[in-house]
Amino acid sequence: MLERLDRSVLREMVLGHNEQLGLCKTLERIADALPHDLDPQTCKEAAGAIHRVMTRVAMVEQDLISRQLAEGGSVLAVNLAPTIARLRRENAEDLSYAEELQETLRDYGTDKPSVSIDALGYMLRGFFESRRRRIALEREILDALAPPPQ
Protein backbone atom coordinates (compact mmCIF):
# COMPACT_ATOMS: atom_id res chain seq x y z
CA MET A 1 0.00 0.00 0.00
CA LEU A 2 2.69 2.48 0.92
CA GLU A 3 5.48 2.43 -1.62
CA ARG A 4 7.60 5.00 0.21
CA LEU A 5 7.81 3.14 3.49
CA ASP A 6 11.54 3.08 4.14
CA ARG A 7 12.61 -0.57 4.28
CA SER A 8 15.74 0.28 6.30
CA VAL A 9 13.53 1.80 9.00
CA LEU A 10 11.33 -1.29 8.91
CA ARG A 11 14.39 -3.51 9.26
CA GLU A 12 15.62 -1.43 12.21
CA MET A 13 12.17 -1.63 13.83
CA VAL A 14 12.13 -5.42 13.54
CA LEU A 15 15.65 -5.63 15.00
CA GLY A 16 14.59 -3.29 17.80
CA HIS A 17 11.50 -5.37 18.49
CA ASN A 18 13.62 -8.51 18.72
CA GLU A 19 16.09 -6.80 21.08
CA GLN A 20 13.25 -5.56 23.26
CA LEU A 21 11.61 -8.98 23.38
CA GLY A 22 14.93 -10.48 24.47
CA LEU A 23 15.22 -7.81 27.15
CA CYS A 24 11.65 -8.57 28.25
CA LYS A 25 12.58 -12.25 28.70
CA THR A 26 15.55 -11.28 30.85
CA LEU A 27 13.43 -8.93 32.95
CA GLU A 28 10.76 -11.60 33.34
CA ARG A 29 13.40 -14.08 34.55
CA ILE A 30 14.53 -11.52 37.13
CA ALA A 31 10.93 -10.97 38.26
CA ASP A 32 10.32 -14.71 38.47
CA ALA A 33 13.46 -15.10 40.64
CA LEU A 34 12.14 -12.67 43.25
CA PRO A 35 12.32 -12.52 46.18
CA HIS A 36 15.04 -15.04 47.03
CA ASP A 37 17.05 -15.79 43.90
CA LEU A 38 17.91 -12.30 42.71
CA ASP A 39 21.30 -12.24 40.96
CA PRO A 40 23.05 -8.85 41.30
CA GLN A 41 25.13 -9.41 38.15
CA THR A 42 22.02 -10.09 36.08
CA CYS A 43 20.50 -6.88 37.47
CA LYS A 44 23.59 -4.88 36.43
CA GLU A 45 23.59 -6.41 32.96
CA ALA A 46 19.87 -5.80 32.53
CA ALA A 47 20.28 -2.17 33.63
CA GLY A 48 22.90 -1.64 30.92
CA ALA A 49 20.75 -3.39 28.33
CA ILE A 50 17.72 -1.24 29.14
CA HIS A 51 19.67 1.93 28.38
CA ARG A 52 21.28 0.57 25.21
CA VAL A 53 18.16 -1.02 23.75
CA MET A 54 15.67 1.69 24.66
CA THR A 55 17.89 4.54 23.46
CA ARG A 56 18.45 2.91 20.08
CA VAL A 57 14.82 1.91 19.70
CA ALA A 58 13.64 5.41 20.62
CA MET A 59 15.68 6.92 17.79
CA VAL A 60 14.30 4.48 15.23
CA GLU A 61 10.74 4.91 16.53
CA GLN A 62 11.03 8.69 16.33
CA ASP A 63 12.06 8.40 12.68
CA LEU A 64 9.18 6.07 11.98
CA ILE A 65 6.65 8.14 13.92
CA SER A 66 7.84 11.54 12.76
CA ARG A 67 8.49 10.83 9.12
CA GLN A 68 7.19 7.50 7.94
CA LEU A 69 3.77 7.48 9.63
CA ALA A 70 3.10 11.11 8.78
CA GLU A 71 3.88 10.41 5.11
CA GLY A 72 1.89 7.20 5.23
CA GLY A 73 -1.16 8.97 6.56
CA SER A 74 -1.08 11.56 3.79
CA VAL A 75 -0.55 8.92 1.09
CA LEU A 76 -3.45 6.87 2.44
CA ALA A 77 -5.61 9.98 3.03
CA VAL A 78 -5.90 9.09 6.71
CA ASN A 79 -5.44 11.49 9.60
CA LEU A 80 -2.80 9.85 11.75
CA ALA A 81 -2.04 13.02 13.75
CA PRO A 82 -3.80 11.81 16.94
CA THR A 83 -2.08 8.42 16.71
CA ILE A 84 1.31 10.02 16.08
CA ALA A 85 0.84 12.36 19.06
CA ARG A 86 -0.15 9.42 21.26
CA LEU A 87 2.85 7.34 20.18
CA ARG A 88 5.19 10.27 20.87
CA ARG A 89 3.74 10.77 24.36
CA GLU A 90 4.00 7.07 25.10
CA ASN A 91 7.61 7.02 23.87
CA ALA A 92 8.53 9.78 26.31
CA GLU A 93 6.74 7.98 29.16
CA ASP A 94 8.35 4.65 28.27
CA LEU A 95 11.83 6.18 28.23
CA SER A 96 11.24 7.82 31.60
CA TYR A 97 10.01 4.54 33.08
CA ALA A 98 12.96 2.69 31.52
CA GLU A 99 15.38 5.12 33.19
CA GLU A 100 13.71 4.58 36.55
CA LEU A 101 13.84 0.80 36.16
CA GLN A 102 17.45 1.00 35.00
CA GLU A 103 18.45 2.93 38.13
CA THR A 104 16.56 0.51 40.36
CA LEU A 105 18.19 -2.52 38.77
CA ARG A 106 21.59 -0.86 39.04
CA ASP A 107 20.93 -0.27 42.73
CA TYR A 108 20.05 -3.94 43.24
CA GLY A 109 23.11 -4.90 41.20
CA THR A 110 25.36 -2.99 43.60
CA ASP A 111 23.49 -4.36 46.62
CA LYS A 112 22.06 -0.92 47.52
CA PRO A 113 18.33 -1.37 46.86
CA SER A 114 16.34 1.84 46.68
CA VAL A 115 12.88 0.21 46.58
CA SER A 116 11.34 -2.87 48.15
CA ILE A 117 11.59 -6.23 46.43
CA ASP A 118 7.80 -6.10 45.84
CA ALA A 119 8.13 -2.72 44.16
CA LEU A 120 10.91 -4.06 41.95
CA GLY A 121 8.67 -6.95 40.90
CA TYR A 122 5.85 -4.58 39.98
CA MET A 123 8.26 -2.31 38.09
CA LEU A 124 9.71 -5.21 36.11
CA ARG A 125 6.34 -6.72 35.20
CA GLY A 126 4.83 -3.36 34.35
CA PHE A 127 7.72 -2.55 32.05
CA PHE A 128 8.01 -5.81 30.12
CA GLU A 129 4.25 -6.23 29.78
CA SER A 130 3.83 -2.70 28.41
CA ARG A 131 6.76 -3.17 25.99
CA ARG A 132 5.22 -6.37 24.66
CA ARG A 133 1.88 -4.61 24.12
CA ARG A 134 3.63 -1.71 22.38
CA ILE A 135 5.55 -4.04 20.09
CA ALA A 136 2.32 -5.81 19.13
CA LEU A 137 0.73 -2.43 18.30
CA GLU A 138 3.72 -1.30 16.25
CA ARG A 139 3.73 -4.54 14.31
CA GLU A 140 0.04 -4.11 13.49
CA ILE A 141 0.69 -0.57 12.27
CA LEU A 142 3.67 -1.66 10.19
CA ASP A 143 1.71 -4.55 8.69
CA ALA A 144 -1.10 -2.16 7.74
CA LEU A 145 1.29 0.29 6.06
CA ALA A 146 3.63 -2.17 4.39
CA PRO A 147 3.26 -2.79 0.68
CA PRO A 148 1.81 -6.20 -0.20
CA PRO A 149 4.35 -8.93 -0.95
CA GLN A 150 5.18 -9.23 -4.62
C-alpha atoms as a PDB file:
ATOM      1  CA  MET A   1       0.000   0.000   0.000  1.00  0.00           C
ATOM      2  CA  LEU A   2       2.688   2.479   0.922  1.00  0.00           C
ATOM      3  CA  GLU A   3       5.484   2.428  -1.623  1.00  0.00           C
ATOM      4  CA  ARG A   4       7.595   4.997   0.207  1.00  0.00           C
ATOM      5  CA  LEU A   5       7.808   3.136   3.490  1.00  0.00           C
ATOM      6  CA  ASP A   6      11.540   3.085   4.144  1.00  0.00           C
ATOM      7  CA  ARG A   7      12.607  -0.566   4.280  1.00  0.00           C
ATOM      8  CA  SER A   8      15.738   0.284   6.297  1.00  0.00           C
ATOM      9  CA  VAL A   9      13.532   1.799   9.003  1.00  0.00           C
ATOM     10  CA  LEU A  10      11.328  -1.294   8.912  1.00  0.00           C
ATOM     11  CA  ARG A  11      14.387  -3.510   9.260  1.00  0.00           C
ATOM     12  CA  GLU A  12      15.617  -1.435  12.211  1.00  0.00           C
ATOM     13  CA  MET A  13      12.173  -1.631  13.827  1.00  0.00           C
ATOM     14  CA  VAL A  14      12.126  -5.425  13.539  1.00  0.00           C
ATOM     15  CA  LEU A  15      15.650  -5.631  15.000  1.00  0.00           C
ATOM     16  CA  GLY A  16      14.588  -3.287  17.797  1.00  0.00           C
ATOM     17  CA  HIS A  17      11.501  -5.368  18.491  1.00  0.00           C
ATOM     18  CA  ASN A  18      13.615  -8.506  18.722  1.00  0.00           C
ATOM     19  CA  GLU A  19      16.086  -6.804  21.080  1.00  0.00           C
ATOM     20  CA  GLN A  20      13.248  -5.556  23.265  1.00  0.00           C
ATOM     21  CA  LEU A  21      11.615  -8.981  23.382  1.00  0.00           C
ATOM     22  CA  GLY A  22      14.934 -10.482  24.467  1.00  0.00           C
ATOM     23  CA  LEU A  23      15.222  -7.810  27.146  1.00  0.00           C
ATOM     24  CA  CYS A  24      11.653  -8.566  28.248  1.00  0.00           C
ATOM     25  CA  LYS A  25      12.577 -12.249  28.697  1.00  0.00           C
ATOM     26  CA  THR A  26      15.552 -11.281  30.850  1.00  0.00           C
ATOM     27  CA  LEU A  27      13.433  -8.929  32.954  1.00  0.00           C
ATOM     28  CA  GLU A  28      10.764 -11.604  33.339  1.00  0.00           C
ATOM     29  CA  ARG A  29      13.403 -14.083  34.554  1.00  0.00           C
ATOM     30  CA  ILE A  30      14.534 -11.517  37.127  1.00  0.00           C
ATOM     31  CA  ALA A  31      10.935 -10.972  38.257  1.00  0.00           C
ATOM     32  CA  ASP A  32      10.324 -14.706  38.468  1.00  0.00           C
ATOM     33  CA  ALA A  33      13.456 -15.101  40.641  1.00  0.00           C
ATOM     34  CA  LEU A  34      12.140 -12.669  43.250  1.00  0.00           C
ATOM     35  CA  PRO A  35      12.324 -12.518  46.180  1.00  0.00           C
ATOM     36  CA  HIS A  36      15.038 -15.042  47.031  1.00  0.00           C
ATOM     37  CA  ASP A  37      17.055 -15.790  43.904  1.00  0.00           C
ATOM     38  CA  LEU A  38      17.911 -12.300  42.708  1.00  0.00           C
ATOM     39  CA  ASP A  39      21.301 -12.244  40.956  1.00  0.00           C
ATOM     40  CA  PRO A  40      23.049  -8.849  41.304  1.00  0.00           C
ATOM     41  CA  GLN A  41      25.134  -9.410  38.154  1.00  0.00           C
ATOM     42  CA  THR A  42      22.017 -10.086  36.081  1.00  0.00           C
ATOM     43  CA  CYS A  43      20.502  -6.876  37.470  1.00  0.00           C
ATOM     44  CA  LYS A  44      23.587  -4.876  36.432  1.00  0.00           C
ATOM     45  CA  GLU A  45      23.589  -6.408  32.963  1.00  0.00           C
ATOM     46  CA  ALA A  46      19.868  -5.801  32.530  1.00  0.00           C
ATOM     47  CA  ALA A  47      20.284  -2.173  33.628  1.00  0.00           C
ATOM     48  CA  GLY A  48      22.899  -1.643  30.923  1.00  0.00           C
ATOM     49  CA  ALA A  49      20.753  -3.394  28.327  1.00  0.00           C
ATOM     50  CA  ILE A  50      17.724  -1.244  29.139  1.00  0.00           C
ATOM     51  CA  HIS A  51      19.670   1.926  28.378  1.00  0.00           C
ATOM     52  CA  ARG A  52      21.279   0.573  25.212  1.00  0.00           C
ATOM     53  CA  VAL A  53      18.159  -1.023  23.753  1.00  0.00           C
ATOM     54  CA  MET A  54      15.667   1.686  24.662  1.00  0.00           C
ATOM     55  CA  THR A  55      17.892   4.541  23.465  1.00  0.00           C
ATOM     56  CA  ARG A  56      18.446   2.905  20.082  1.00  0.00           C
ATOM     57  CA  VAL A  57      14.818   1.908  19.696  1.00  0.00           C
ATOM     58  CA  ALA A  58      13.639   5.405  20.623  1.00  0.00           C
ATOM     59  CA  MET A  59      15.683   6.921  17.792  1.00  0.00           C
ATOM     60  CA  VAL A  60      14.295   4.477  15.234  1.00  0.00           C
ATOM     61  CA  GLU A  61      10.740   4.913  16.527  1.00  0.00           C
ATOM     62  CA  GLN A  62      11.035   8.687  16.330  1.00  0.00           C
ATOM     63  CA  ASP A  63      12.063   8.401  12.678  1.00  0.00           C
ATOM     64  CA  LEU A  64       9.177   6.070  11.979  1.00  0.00           C
ATOM     65  CA  ILE A  65       6.653   8.136  13.918  1.00  0.00           C
ATOM     66  CA  SER A  66       7.839  11.540  12.760  1.00  0.00           C
ATOM     67  CA  ARG A  67       8.491  10.833   9.122  1.00  0.00           C
ATOM     68  CA  GLN A  68       7.188   7.501   7.943  1.00  0.00           C
ATOM     69  CA  LEU A  69       3.767   7.480   9.631  1.00  0.00           C
ATOM     70  CA  ALA A  70       3.097  11.114   8.778  1.00  0.00           C
ATOM     71  CA  GLU A  71       3.880  10.407   5.114  1.00  0.00           C
ATOM     72  CA  GLY A  72       1.891   7.199   5.228  1.00  0.00           C
ATOM     73  CA  GLY A  73      -1.164   8.973   6.556  1.00  0.00           C
ATOM     74  CA  SER A  74      -1.083  11.558   3.792  1.00  0.00           C
ATOM     75  CA  VAL A  75      -0.553   8.917   1.087  1.00  0.00           C
ATOM     76  CA  LEU A  76      -3.453   6.872   2.437  1.00  0.00           C
ATOM     77  CA  ALA A  77      -5.605   9.977   3.033  1.00  0.00           C
ATOM     78  CA  VAL A  78      -5.900   9.085   6.711  1.00  0.00           C
ATOM     79  CA  ASN A  79      -5.441  11.491   9.604  1.00  0.00           C
ATOM     80  CA  LEU A  80      -2.803   9.847  11.754  1.00  0.00           C
ATOM     81  CA  ALA A  81      -2.035  13.017  13.751  1.00  0.00           C
ATOM     82  CA  PRO A  82      -3.798  11.810  16.938  1.00  0.00           C
ATOM     83  CA  THR A  83      -2.084   8.417  16.711  1.00  0.00           C
ATOM     84  CA  ILE A  84       1.307  10.022  16.082  1.00  0.00           C
ATOM     85  CA  ALA A  85       0.835  12.363  19.060  1.00  0.00           C
ATOM     86  CA  ARG A  86      -0.149   9.424  21.262  1.00  0.00           C
ATOM     87  CA  LEU A  87       2.850   7.343  20.180  1.00  0.00           C
ATOM     88  CA  ARG A  88       5.192  10.272  20.874  1.00  0.00           C
ATOM     89  CA  ARG A  89       3.744  10.768  24.361  1.00  0.00           C
ATOM     90  CA  GLU A  90       4.001   7.068  25.095  1.00  0.00           C
ATOM     91  CA  ASN A  91       7.611   7.020  23.874  1.00  0.00           C
ATOM     92  CA  ALA A  92       8.528   9.776  26.314  1.00  0.00           C
ATOM     93  CA  GLU A  93       6.738   7.978  29.162  1.00  0.00           C
ATOM     94  CA  ASP A  94       8.347   4.652  28.270  1.00  0.00           C
ATOM     95  CA  LEU A  95      11.830   6.183  28.233  1.00  0.00           C
ATOM     96  CA  SER A  96      11.236   7.817  31.598  1.00  0.00           C
ATOM     97  CA  TYR A  97      10.009   4.540  33.075  1.00  0.00           C
ATOM     98  CA  ALA A  98      12.957   2.688  31.521  1.00  0.00           C
ATOM     99  CA  GLU A  99      15.377   5.118  33.190  1.00  0.00           C
ATOM    100  CA  GLU A 100      13.707   4.583  36.555  1.00  0.00           C
ATOM    101  CA  LEU A 101      13.840   0.797  36.160  1.00  0.00           C
ATOM    102  CA  GLN A 102      17.453   0.996  35.002  1.00  0.00           C
ATOM    103  CA  GLU A 103      18.447   2.932  38.129  1.00  0.00           C
ATOM    104  CA  THR A 104      16.556   0.514  40.364  1.00  0.00           C
ATOM    105  CA  LEU A 105      18.194  -2.525  38.771  1.00  0.00           C
ATOM    106  CA  ARG A 106      21.595  -0.860  39.037  1.00  0.00           C
ATOM    107  CA  ASP A 107      20.929  -0.269  42.734  1.00  0.00           C
ATOM    108  CA  TYR A 108      20.051  -3.939  43.243  1.00  0.00           C
ATOM    109  CA  GLY A 109      23.107  -4.899  41.201  1.00  0.00           C
ATOM    110  CA  THR A 110      25.358  -2.989  43.600  1.00  0.00           C
ATOM    111  CA  ASP A 111      23.486  -4.359  46.622  1.00  0.00           C
ATOM    112  CA  LYS A 112      22.060  -0.923  47.516  1.00  0.00           C
ATOM    113  CA  PRO A 113      18.332  -1.374  46.863  1.00  0.00           C
ATOM    114  CA  SER A 114      16.343   1.839  46.682  1.00  0.00           C
ATOM    115  CA  VAL A 115      12.884   0.210  46.584  1.00  0.00           C
ATOM    116  CA  SER A 116      11.337  -2.874  48.152  1.00  0.00           C
ATOM    117  CA  ILE A 117      11.592  -6.230  46.427  1.00  0.00           C
ATOM    118  CA  ASP A 118       7.805  -6.103  45.843  1.00  0.00           C
ATOM    119  CA  ALA A 119       8.134  -2.715  44.161  1.00  0.00           C
ATOM    120  CA  LEU A 120      10.914  -4.063  41.946  1.00  0.00           C
ATOM    121  CA  GLY A 121       8.668  -6.954  40.895  1.00  0.00           C
ATOM    122  CA  TYR A 122       5.853  -4.577  39.978  1.00  0.00           C
ATOM    123  CA  MET A 123       8.259  -2.315  38.088  1.00  0.00           C
ATOM    124  CA  LEU A 124       9.708  -5.211  36.111  1.00  0.00           C
ATOM    125  CA  ARG A 125       6.343  -6.716  35.202  1.00  0.00           C
ATOM    126  CA  GLY A 126       4.830  -3.356  34.354  1.00  0.00           C
ATOM    127  CA  PHE A 127       7.722  -2.553  32.049  1.00  0.00           C
ATOM    128  CA  PHE A 128       8.011  -5.806  30.121  1.00  0.00           C
ATOM    129  CA  GLU A 129       4.250  -6.232  29.777  1.00  0.00           C
ATOM    130  CA  SER A 130       3.825  -2.703  28.411  1.00  0.00           C
ATOM    131  CA  ARG A 131       6.757  -3.173  25.993  1.00  0.00           C
ATOM    132  CA  ARG A 132       5.219  -6.369  24.658  1.00  0.00           C
ATOM    133  CA  ARG A 133       1.882  -4.608  24.117  1.00  0.00           C
ATOM    134  CA  ARG A 134       3.629  -1.709  22.382  1.00  0.00           C
ATOM    135  CA  ILE A 135       5.555  -4.045  20.088  1.00  0.00           C
ATOM    136  CA  ALA A 136       2.324  -5.809  19.127  1.00  0.00           C
ATOM    137  CA  LEU A 137       0.729  -2.431  18.297  1.00  0.00           C
ATOM    138  CA  GLU A 138       3.717  -1.296  16.249  1.00  0.00           C
ATOM    139  CA  ARG A 139       3.730  -4.541  14.307  1.00  0.00           C
ATOM    140  CA  GLU A 140       0.036  -4.112  13.491  1.00  0.00           C
ATOM    141  CA  ILE A 141       0.695  -0.567  12.271  1.00  0.00           C
ATOM    142  CA  LEU A 142       3.674  -1.658  10.188  1.00  0.00           C
ATOM    143  CA  ASP A 143       1.708  -4.547   8.687  1.00  0.00           C
ATOM    144  CA  ALA A 144      -1.099  -2.156   7.743  1.00  0.00           C
ATOM    145  CA  LEU A 145       1.294   0.291   6.064  1.00  0.00           C
ATOM    146  CA  ALA A 146       3.631  -2.175   4.393  1.00  0.00           C
ATOM    147  CA  PRO A 147       3.261  -2.793   0.684  1.00  0.00           C
ATOM    148  CA  PRO A 148       1.814  -6.197  -0.198  1.00  0.00           C
ATOM    149  CA  PRO A 149       4.353  -8.934  -0.949  1.00  0.00           C
ATOM    150  CA  GLN A 150       5.182  -9.230  -4.623  1.00  0.00           C
END
